[in-house]
C-alpha atoms as a PDB file:
ATOM      1  CA  UNK A   1      -0.093  -0.067   0.205  1.00  0.00           C
ATOM      2  CA  UNK A   2       1.051   3.415  -0.960  1.00  0.00           C
ATOM      3  CA  UNK A   3       1.699   6.255   2.054  1.00  0.00           C
ATOM      4  CA  UNK A   4      -0.565   8.411   0.295  1.00  0.00           C
ATOM      5  CA  UNK A   5      -3.612   5.490   0.020  1.00  0.00           C
ATOM      6  CA  UNK A   6      -3.784   5.549   3.928  1.00  0.00           C
ATOM      7  CA  UNK A   7      -7.349   6.932   5.261  1.00  0.00           C
ATOM      8  CA  UNK A   8      -8.527   8.626   8.276  1.00  0.00           C
ATOM      9  CA  UNK A   9      -9.323   5.802  10.876  1.00  0.00           C
ATOM     10  CA  UNK A  10      -6.664   3.441   9.571  1.00  0.00           C
ATOM     11  CA  UNK A  11      -4.671   1.955  12.609  1.00  0.00           C
ATOM     12  CA  UNK A  12      -0.856   0.536  12.745  1.00  0.00           C
ATOM     13  CA  UNK A  13       1.993   0.793  14.719  1.00  0.00           C
ATOM     14  CA  UNK A  14       5.258   2.775  14.142  1.00  0.00           C
ATOM     15  CA  UNK A  15       8.510   1.586  14.697  1.00  0.00           C
ATOM     16  CA  UNK A  16       9.264   2.548  17.902  1.00  0.00           C
ATOM     17  CA  UNK A  17       6.302  -0.070  19.188  1.00  0.00           C
ATOM     18  CA  UNK A  18       3.453   2.550  20.030  1.00  0.00           C
ATOM     19  CA  UNK A  19       0.277   2.345  18.302  1.00  0.00           C
ATOM     20  CA  UNK A  20      -1.598   5.261  16.366  1.00  0.00           C
ATOM     21  CA  UNK A  21      -4.618   5.916  14.532  1.00  0.00           C
ATOM     22  CA  UNK A  22      -4.707   8.427  11.224  1.00  0.00           C
ATOM     23  CA  UNK A  23      -6.520  11.529  11.954  1.00  0.00           C
ATOM     24  CA  UNK A  24      -6.773  12.927   8.238  1.00  0.00           C
ATOM     25  CA  UNK A  25      -6.964  11.902   4.513  1.00  0.00           C
ATOM     26  CA  UNK A  26      -4.071  14.333   3.440  1.00  0.00           C
ATOM     27  CA  UNK A  27      -1.367  13.133   1.445  1.00  0.00           C
ATOM     28  CA  UNK A  28       2.581  13.483   1.904  1.00  0.00           C
ATOM     29  CA  UNK A  29       5.274  12.540   4.036  1.00  0.00           C
ATOM     30  CA  UNK A  30       3.288  13.818   7.305  1.00  0.00           C
ATOM     31  CA  UNK A  31       0.191  12.921   8.601  1.00  0.00           C
ATOM     32  CA  UNK A  32      -2.312  13.864  11.913  1.00  0.00           C
ATOM     33  CA  UNK A  33      -2.587  10.859  13.688  1.00  0.00           C
ATOM     34  CA  UNK A  34      -3.662  10.069  17.341  1.00  0.00           C
ATOM     35  CA  UNK A  35      -0.761   8.106  19.246  1.00  0.00           C
ATOM     36  CA  UNK A  36      -1.136   5.717  21.967  1.00  0.00           C
ATOM     37  CA  UNK A  37       2.126   5.704  23.894  1.00  0.00           C
ATOM     38  CA  UNK A  38       2.538   6.941  27.430  1.00  0.00           C
ATOM     39  CA  UNK A  39      -0.054   9.202  26.958  1.00  0.00           C
ATOM     40  CA  UNK A  40      -2.345   9.678  24.256  1.00  0.00           C
ATOM     41  CA  UNK A  41      -1.980  12.649  22.081  1.00  0.00           C
ATOM     42  CA  UNK A  42      -2.867  14.058  18.341  1.00  0.00           C
ATOM     43  CA  UNK A  43      -0.248  15.740  16.453  1.00  0.00           C
ATOM     44  CA  UNK A  44       2.129  15.019  13.258  1.00  0.00           C
ATOM     45  CA  UNK A  45       4.422  12.129  12.483  1.00  0.00           C
ATOM     46  CA  UNK A  46       6.340  11.420   9.646  1.00  0.00           C
ATOM     47  CA  UNK A  47       4.772   8.318   7.198  1.00  0.00           C
ATOM     48  CA  UNK A  48       8.687   6.930   6.990  1.00  0.00           C
ATOM     49  CA  UNK A  49       8.279   6.066  11.109  1.00  0.00           C
ATOM     50  CA  UNK A  50       5.247   3.532  10.342  1.00  0.00           C
ATOM     51  CA  UNK A  51       6.475   0.330  10.954  1.00  0.00           C
ATOM     52  CA  UNK A  52       2.896  -1.336   9.481  1.00  0.00           C
ATOM     53  CA  UNK A  53      -0.946  -0.834   9.034  1.00  0.00           C
ATOM     54  CA  UNK A  54      -3.776  -2.968   9.926  1.00  0.00           C
ATOM     55  CA  UNK A  55      -5.872  -3.695   6.905  1.00  0.00           C
ATOM     56  CA  UNK A  56     -10.032  -4.269   7.078  1.00  0.00           C
ATOM     57  CA  UNK A  57      -9.917  -7.635   6.874  1.00  0.00           C
ATOM     58  CA  UNK A  58      -7.437  -8.011   9.999  1.00  0.00           C
ATOM     59  CA  UNK A  59      -4.049  -8.313   8.186  1.00  0.00           C
ATOM     60  CA  UNK A  60      -1.011  -6.462   8.395  1.00  0.00           C
ATOM     61  CA  UNK A  61       0.520  -4.689   5.655  1.00  0.00           C
ATOM     62  CA  UNK A  62       3.870  -2.303   5.167  1.00  0.00           C
ATOM     63  CA  UNK A  63       3.919   1.054   3.391  1.00  0.00           C
ATOM     64  CA  UNK A  64       5.738   1.672   0.052  1.00  0.00           C
ATOM     65  CA  UNK A  65       6.932   5.378  -0.657  1.00  0.00           C
ATOM     66  CA  UNK A  66       6.352   7.398  -3.935  1.00  0.00           C
ATOM     67  CA  UNK A  67       9.518   8.476  -5.957  1.00  0.00           C
ATOM     68  CA  UNK A  68       8.912  11.926  -4.622  1.00  0.00           C
ATOM     69  CA  UNK A  69       8.506  10.786  -1.089  1.00  0.00           C
ATOM     70  CA  UNK A  70      11.489   8.931  -1.300  1.00  0.00           C
ATOM     71  CA  UNK A  71      13.565  12.283  -2.592  1.00  0.00           C
ATOM     72  CA  UNK A  72      11.914  14.125   0.045  1.00  0.00           C
ATOM     73  CA  UNK A  73      12.656  11.378   3.231  1.00  0.00           C
ATOM     74  CA  UNK A  74      16.185  11.270   1.925  1.00  0.00           C
ATOM     75  CA  UNK A  75      16.254  15.092   2.171  1.00  0.00           C
ATOM     76  CA  UNK A  76      15.049  15.237   5.764  1.00  0.00           C
ATOM     77  CA  UNK A  77      17.400  12.443   6.615  1.00  0.00           C
ATOM     78  CA  UNK A  78      20.398  14.485   5.249  1.00  0.00           C
ATOM     79  CA  UNK A  79      19.114  17.529   7.259  1.00  0.00           C
ATOM     80  CA  UNK A  80      18.719  15.785  10.325  1.00  0.00           C
ATOM     81  CA  UNK A  81      22.291  14.098   9.994  1.00  0.00           C
ATOM     82  CA  UNK A  82      24.070  17.396   9.296  1.00  0.00           C
ATOM     83  CA  UNK A  83      22.101  18.877  12.156  1.00  0.00           C
ATOM     84  CA  UNK A  84      22.787  16.136  15.063  1.00  0.00           C
ATOM     85  CA  UNK A  85      25.265  13.831  13.394  1.00  0.00           C
ATOM     86  CA  UNK A  86      25.233  10.000  12.932  1.00  0.00           C
END
């Protein structure tokens, strides 16, 4: 499934082990989500930090990036390395 195909209400797990629910129908690398971690909070998450999604039939599916999203993720990663190191 492509990142842009995620819909409001879909649930899944982030790479850090916390669960989340998508709260918007936008497209792109940043999405609004409710995250269930130490506390329940709503805010922006990077789609590259999503480990997997739970589909309507209960199956688990990983996300794929479009070429444009891959380029943007690479730029963001490079910027973070320049600012904070490896």
